[in-house]
Amino acid sequence: MAKEDEIAYLSRAGAGSAEHAAAKPFSDPQCGMYLVRIGTLMALLPPPPARVLDLGCGTGWTSLFFARAGYEVVGADIAPDMIRLANELRDREGLANASFVVSDYEALTFHNEFDAVVFFHSLHHADDEGLALRKAFAALKPGGVLLADEPGVGHAASENSLEAVAKFGVTEKDLPPAHLVELGRAAGFEAFRVFPCAESLAKVVYTGRAEPLPDPFADTGPAAERLHRTGLRRTCDRVLSRLRPTPAWRLTNVDHLLLHIHADGLVLMRKGAHSARAAA
């Protein structure tokens, strides 16, 4: 049973897993990428002191980041031991504007209470992601926003996902933006935006170019020239027509990310200003 396996994950993960989970993101080798992604979410949230519901929060490190920024945060997770750690971390930091509840996000009972709902790499563990989105929709105030940073095409078949399913019985799914937008429309959301995955963007722009070169523009000028000589430039111009003017140094790979956000990206959805539909 997937839900029972999700609840039992921390106890099954072995020695040191609780300490690692409680110290995230700084305990993880991918700390820099976690910070890039959480920073992107915070840039897209309504300004504090908006009320934020952090679903599938685990040990609450994302919730505590939001709380430090001045948000009123409720973190929810299906696993009681995760919430126990979240409460300990909250108390240690004295963040009275963060609270935590043990709850399956497919069984939420909130209605019209939050300015924003966040799924940070948690919705892909759902049995029924459509139901989870409907519950999140009901929890939002009219005009509120949902942010979903979830793995896209290829995640479920990756080596790490297959190992997690085999060892712990957890659910692993691909949740590409096109699928999330379709489910969001069915749930009642009225407006959408999809952004390139922050981690992929950072790898292309930063870690992929981390080695200093004698000519700092060596990998940008020729790329821009090649792009302008191909039909891809016209396609990119159509995709980017509603964005800010594109600087001359834009990399081909960045354009590629924008052209493929239907398969992998960060999704923003807005509940209509006059909508108050309850979840099914």
Protein backbone atom coordinates (compact mmCIF):
# COMPACT_ATOMS: atom_id res chain seq x y z
CA MET A 1 0.00 0.00 0.00
CA ALA A 2 1.71 3.18 -1.21
CA LYS A 3 0.39 5.52 1.49
CA GLU A 4 1.54 3.24 4.30
CA ASP A 5 4.91 3.01 2.59
CA GLU A 6 5.14 6.80 2.37
CA ILE A 7 4.34 7.02 6.10
CA ALA A 8 7.00 4.44 6.95
CA TYR A 9 9.71 5.86 4.67
CA LEU A 10 11.83 7.55 7.34
CA SER A 11 11.85 4.55 9.67
CA ARG A 12 12.83 2.24 6.82
CA ALA A 13 15.53 4.49 5.38
CA GLY A 14 18.06 3.45 8.00
CA ALA A 15 20.56 5.02 10.36
CA GLY A 16 21.25 8.68 9.78
CA SER A 17 18.24 9.25 7.53
CA ALA A 18 16.38 11.35 10.10
CA GLU A 19 19.43 13.54 10.72
CA HIS A 20 19.98 13.97 7.00
CA ALA A 21 16.31 14.84 6.41
CA ALA A 22 16.23 17.31 9.31
CA ALA A 23 19.35 19.13 8.10
CA LYS A 24 18.19 19.63 4.50
CA PRO A 25 19.10 21.30 2.27
CA PHE A 26 22.55 21.74 3.80
CA SER A 27 23.04 18.01 4.42
CA ASP A 28 22.56 17.18 0.75
CA PRO A 29 25.27 17.19 -1.95
CA GLN A 30 22.79 19.03 -4.18
CA CYS A 31 22.34 21.83 -1.63
CA GLY A 32 23.09 24.54 -4.18
CA MET A 33 20.38 23.31 -6.52
CA TYR A 34 17.87 22.99 -3.68
CA LEU A 35 18.56 26.62 -2.78
CA VAL A 36 18.15 27.72 -6.40
CA ARG A 37 14.76 25.97 -6.56
CA ILE A 38 13.45 27.23 -3.23
CA GLY A 39 14.63 30.73 -4.13
CA THR A 40 12.68 30.53 -7.38
CA LEU A 41 9.53 29.51 -5.52
CA MET A 42 9.94 32.39 -3.10
CA ALA A 43 10.36 34.81 -6.00
CA LEU A 44 6.98 33.67 -7.38
CA LEU A 45 4.99 33.65 -4.12
CA PRO A 46 2.79 36.61 -3.23
CA PRO A 47 4.62 38.95 -0.82
CA PRO A 48 4.69 38.19 2.91
CA PRO A 49 2.84 37.99 5.24
CA ALA A 50 0.74 35.91 2.81
CA ARG A 51 -0.54 32.63 4.20
CA VAL A 52 1.17 29.61 2.59
CA LEU A 53 0.20 25.93 2.69
CA ASP A 54 3.27 23.71 2.10
CA LEU A 55 2.01 20.25 1.07
CA GLY A 56 4.15 17.15 1.48
CA CYS A 57 6.56 19.26 3.55
CA GLY A 58 8.51 16.34 5.04
CA THR A 59 10.68 17.65 7.88
CA GLY A 60 9.50 21.17 7.13
CA TRP A 61 12.71 22.74 5.87
CA THR A 62 10.88 24.43 3.00
CA SER A 63 8.17 25.68 5.37
CA LEU A 64 10.82 27.15 7.67
CA PHE A 65 12.47 28.96 4.74
CA PHE A 66 9.10 30.56 3.98
CA ALA A 67 8.57 31.39 7.65
CA ARG A 68 11.97 33.08 7.93
CA ALA A 69 10.91 35.29 5.00
CA GLY A 70 7.85 36.45 6.94
CA TYR A 71 5.13 34.16 5.59
CA GLU A 72 2.44 32.59 7.77
CA VAL A 73 3.03 28.91 6.97
CA VAL A 74 1.20 25.66 7.55
CA GLY A 75 3.18 22.57 6.56
CA ALA A 76 1.35 19.28 6.02
CA ASP A 77 2.76 15.79 5.61
CA ILE A 78 1.30 12.29 5.77
CA ALA A 79 4.13 10.95 7.98
CA PRO A 80 3.88 11.65 11.74
CA ASP A 81 7.64 11.20 12.29
CA MET A 82 8.36 13.83 9.63
CA ILE A 83 6.02 16.28 11.36
CA ARG A 84 7.60 15.51 14.73
CA LEU A 85 10.97 16.56 13.29
CA ALA A 86 9.39 19.63 11.69
CA ASN A 87 7.98 20.76 15.03
CA GLU A 88 11.34 20.24 16.72
CA LEU A 89 13.11 22.33 14.08
CA ARG A 90 10.45 25.05 14.29
CA ASP A 91 10.73 25.22 18.09
CA ARG A 92 14.53 25.28 17.92
CA GLU A 93 14.38 28.35 15.68
CA GLY A 94 11.50 30.00 17.53
CA LEU A 95 9.42 30.53 14.38
CA ALA A 96 5.94 31.14 15.75
CA ASN A 97 4.60 31.87 12.24
CA ALA A 98 5.05 28.21 11.17
CA SER A 99 2.81 25.33 12.20
CA PHE A 100 2.59 21.71 11.09
CA VAL A 101 -0.17 19.14 10.73
CA VAL A 102 -0.22 15.43 9.97
CA SER A 103 -2.43 15.19 6.89
CA ASP A 104 -2.74 13.35 3.60
CA TYR A 105 -2.92 16.09 0.99
CA GLU A 106 -5.54 14.02 -0.84
CA ALA A 107 -7.79 14.40 2.22
CA LEU A 108 -7.37 18.08 3.14
CA THR A 109 -10.26 19.89 4.84
CA PHE A 110 -9.11 23.51 4.33
CA HIS A 111 -11.46 25.86 2.46
CA ASN A 112 -10.61 29.35 1.15
CA GLU A 113 -7.86 29.88 3.74
CA PHE A 114 -4.52 30.35 1.94
CA ASP A 115 -2.98 32.87 -0.43
CA ALA A 116 -0.62 30.24 -1.86
CA VAL A 117 -0.19 26.47 -1.94
CA VAL A 118 3.18 24.86 -2.68
CA PHE A 119 4.04 21.35 -3.88
CA PHE A 120 7.83 21.04 -3.73
CA HIS A 121 8.77 17.64 -5.16
CA SER A 122 5.90 16.06 -3.25
CA LEU A 123 2.90 15.79 -5.58
CA HIS A 124 4.59 13.06 -7.64
CA HIS A 125 4.14 10.73 -4.64
CA ALA A 126 0.32 11.07 -4.81
CA ASP A 127 -1.99 8.16 -5.51
CA ASP A 128 -4.33 10.62 -7.27
CA GLU A 129 -2.65 13.88 -8.18
CA GLY A 130 -5.89 15.23 -9.65
CA LEU A 131 -7.63 14.85 -6.29
CA ALA A 132 -4.68 16.49 -4.53
CA LEU A 133 -4.96 19.49 -6.87
CA ARG A 134 -8.70 19.74 -6.23
CA LYS A 135 -8.06 19.74 -2.48
CA ALA A 136 -5.38 22.41 -2.92
CA PHE A 137 -7.78 24.46 -5.05
CA ALA A 138 -10.39 24.33 -2.27
CA ALA A 139 -7.78 25.41 0.31
CA LEU A 140 -6.91 28.57 -1.66
CA LYS A 141 -8.64 31.89 -1.25
CA PRO A 142 -10.14 33.30 -4.46
CA GLY A 143 -7.26 34.80 -6.41
CA GLY A 144 -4.73 32.55 -4.67
CA VAL A 145 -1.89 30.77 -6.48
CA LEU A 146 -0.50 27.24 -6.56
CA LEU A 147 3.16 26.50 -7.30
CA ALA A 148 4.21 22.99 -8.31
CA ASP A 149 7.91 22.19 -8.67
CA GLU A 150 7.71 18.53 -9.72
CA PRO A 151 9.84 16.12 -11.78
CA GLY A 152 8.95 15.92 -15.44
CA VAL A 153 9.19 13.33 -18.17
CA GLY A 154 11.57 10.48 -17.41
CA HIS A 155 11.58 10.72 -13.62
CA ALA A 156 9.66 7.50 -12.89
CA ALA A 157 12.05 5.44 -15.05
CA SER A 158 15.22 6.94 -13.58
CA GLU A 159 17.62 4.74 -11.62
CA ASN A 160 16.99 6.59 -8.35
CA SER A 161 13.21 6.33 -8.69
CA LEU A 162 13.27 2.63 -9.51
CA GLU A 163 15.53 1.99 -6.53
CA ALA A 164 13.21 3.97 -4.20
CA VAL A 165 10.16 2.04 -5.38
CA ALA A 166 11.94 -1.31 -4.96
CA LYS A 167 13.38 -0.55 -1.52
CA PHE A 168 10.62 1.51 0.10
CA GLY A 169 7.45 0.92 -1.94
CA VAL A 170 6.88 4.66 -2.46
CA THR A 171 5.07 6.14 -5.46
CA GLU A 172 7.18 7.77 -8.16
CA LYS A 173 5.54 9.46 -11.17
CA ASP A 174 6.34 11.73 -14.07
CA LEU A 175 4.43 14.98 -13.58
CA PRO A 176 5.20 17.10 -16.66
CA PRO A 177 3.71 20.60 -16.75
CA ALA A 178 1.32 19.74 -19.60
CA HIS A 179 -0.29 17.07 -17.41
CA LEU A 180 -0.45 19.37 -14.37
CA VAL A 181 -2.06 22.16 -16.38
CA GLU A 182 -4.68 19.75 -17.72
CA LEU A 183 -5.50 18.57 -14.19
CA GLY A 184 -5.44 22.15 -12.93
CA ARG A 185 -8.06 23.22 -15.46
CA ALA A 186 -10.24 20.28 -14.41
CA ALA A 187 -9.84 21.35 -10.76
CA GLY A 188 -11.04 24.88 -11.55
CA PHE A 189 -7.84 26.90 -11.95
CA GLU A 190 -8.22 29.64 -14.56
CA ALA A 191 -4.76 30.98 -15.41
CA PHE A 192 -1.38 29.30 -15.78
CA ARG A 193 2.30 29.96 -16.37
CA VAL A 194 5.10 27.42 -16.86
CA PHE A 195 8.74 28.35 -16.24
CA PRO A 196 11.91 26.42 -17.06
CA CYS A 197 12.94 24.11 -14.23
CA ALA A 198 15.14 26.23 -11.97
CA GLU A 199 17.65 23.43 -11.46
CA SER A 200 18.00 22.75 -15.18
CA LEU A 201 18.36 26.46 -15.87
CA ALA A 202 21.05 26.81 -13.19
CA LYS A 203 22.98 23.83 -14.57
CA VAL A 204 22.98 25.33 -18.06
CA VAL A 205 23.79 28.90 -17.06
CA TYR A 206 26.04 28.35 -14.02
CA THR A 207 27.46 24.88 -13.30
CA GLY A 208 27.67 24.08 -17.01
CA ARG A 209 29.88 27.15 -17.50
CA ALA A 210 31.81 27.10 -14.22
CA GLU A 211 35.24 26.59 -15.77
CA PRO A 212 36.98 29.96 -16.44
CA LEU A 213 38.14 30.54 -20.02
CA PRO A 214 40.68 32.95 -21.50
CA ASP A 215 37.82 34.41 -23.55
CA PRO A 216 34.77 34.74 -21.25
CA PHE A 217 32.42 35.10 -24.23
CA ALA A 218 33.79 32.16 -26.21
CA ASP A 219 30.76 29.94 -25.67
CA THR A 220 28.12 32.64 -26.07
CA GLY A 221 28.90 34.82 -29.08
CA PRO A 222 29.19 31.96 -31.63
CA ALA A 223 26.10 30.27 -30.17
CA ALA A 224 24.07 33.42 -30.63
CA GLU A 225 25.30 33.81 -34.21
CA ARG A 226 24.43 30.20 -35.08
CA LEU A 227 20.98 30.60 -33.57
CA HIS A 228 20.26 33.70 -35.66
CA ARG A 229 21.26 31.84 -38.83
CA THR A 230 18.70 29.05 -38.29
CA GLY A 231 14.95 28.76 -38.36
CA LEU A 232 15.11 27.95 -34.65
CA ARG A 233 15.58 31.64 -33.98
CA ARG A 234 12.15 32.41 -35.44
CA THR A 235 10.56 29.64 -33.36
CA CYS A 236 12.25 30.94 -30.23
CA ASP A 237 11.14 34.48 -31.01
CA ARG A 238 7.51 33.31 -31.06
CA VAL A 239 7.94 31.48 -27.73
CA LEU A 240 9.71 34.45 -26.17
CA SER A 241 7.49 37.16 -27.65
CA ARG A 242 5.78 37.85 -24.34
CA LEU A 243 8.97 37.78 -22.29
CA ARG A 244 11.49 40.55 -21.86
CA PRO A 245 13.70 41.33 -24.86
CA THR A 246 16.22 38.54 -25.24
CA PRO A 247 19.86 39.60 -24.67
CA ALA A 248 22.38 38.75 -27.35
CA TRP A 249 24.22 36.32 -25.08
CA ARG A 250 21.24 33.96 -24.60
CA LEU A 251 22.48 30.38 -24.90
CA THR A 252 20.91 27.89 -27.29
CA ASN A 253 20.37 25.56 -24.33
CA VAL A 254 18.29 28.18 -22.51
CA ASP A 255 16.06 28.53 -25.54
CA HIS A 256 15.82 24.75 -25.60
CA LEU A 257 14.54 24.74 -22.01
CA LEU A 258 11.87 27.29 -22.89
CA LEU A 259 10.77 25.27 -25.89
CA HIS A 260 10.39 22.10 -23.81
CA ILE A 261 8.62 23.38 -20.71
CA HIS A 262 5.60 21.22 -21.59
CA ALA A 263 7.74 18.24 -20.49
CA ASP A 264 9.69 19.69 -17.56
CA GLY A 265 9.17 22.93 -15.69
CA LEU A 266 7.74 24.84 -12.75
CA VAL A 267 3.97 25.38 -12.90
CA LEU A 268 2.09 28.39 -11.52
CA MET A 269 -1.74 28.28 -11.40
CA ARG A 270 -4.21 30.89 -10.23
CA LYS A 271 -7.65 30.37 -8.72
CA GLY A 272 -10.22 32.76 -10.15
CA ALA A 273 -10.95 35.87 -8.10
CA HIS A 274 -14.63 34.92 -7.80
CA SER A 275 -14.18 31.17 -7.46
CA ALA A 276 -14.96 29.28 -4.28
CA ARG A 277 -15.54 25.73 -5.56
CA ALA A 278 -15.20 23.01 -2.97
CA ALA A 279 -13.07 19.96 -3.67
CA ALA A 280 -14.68 16.78 -4.89
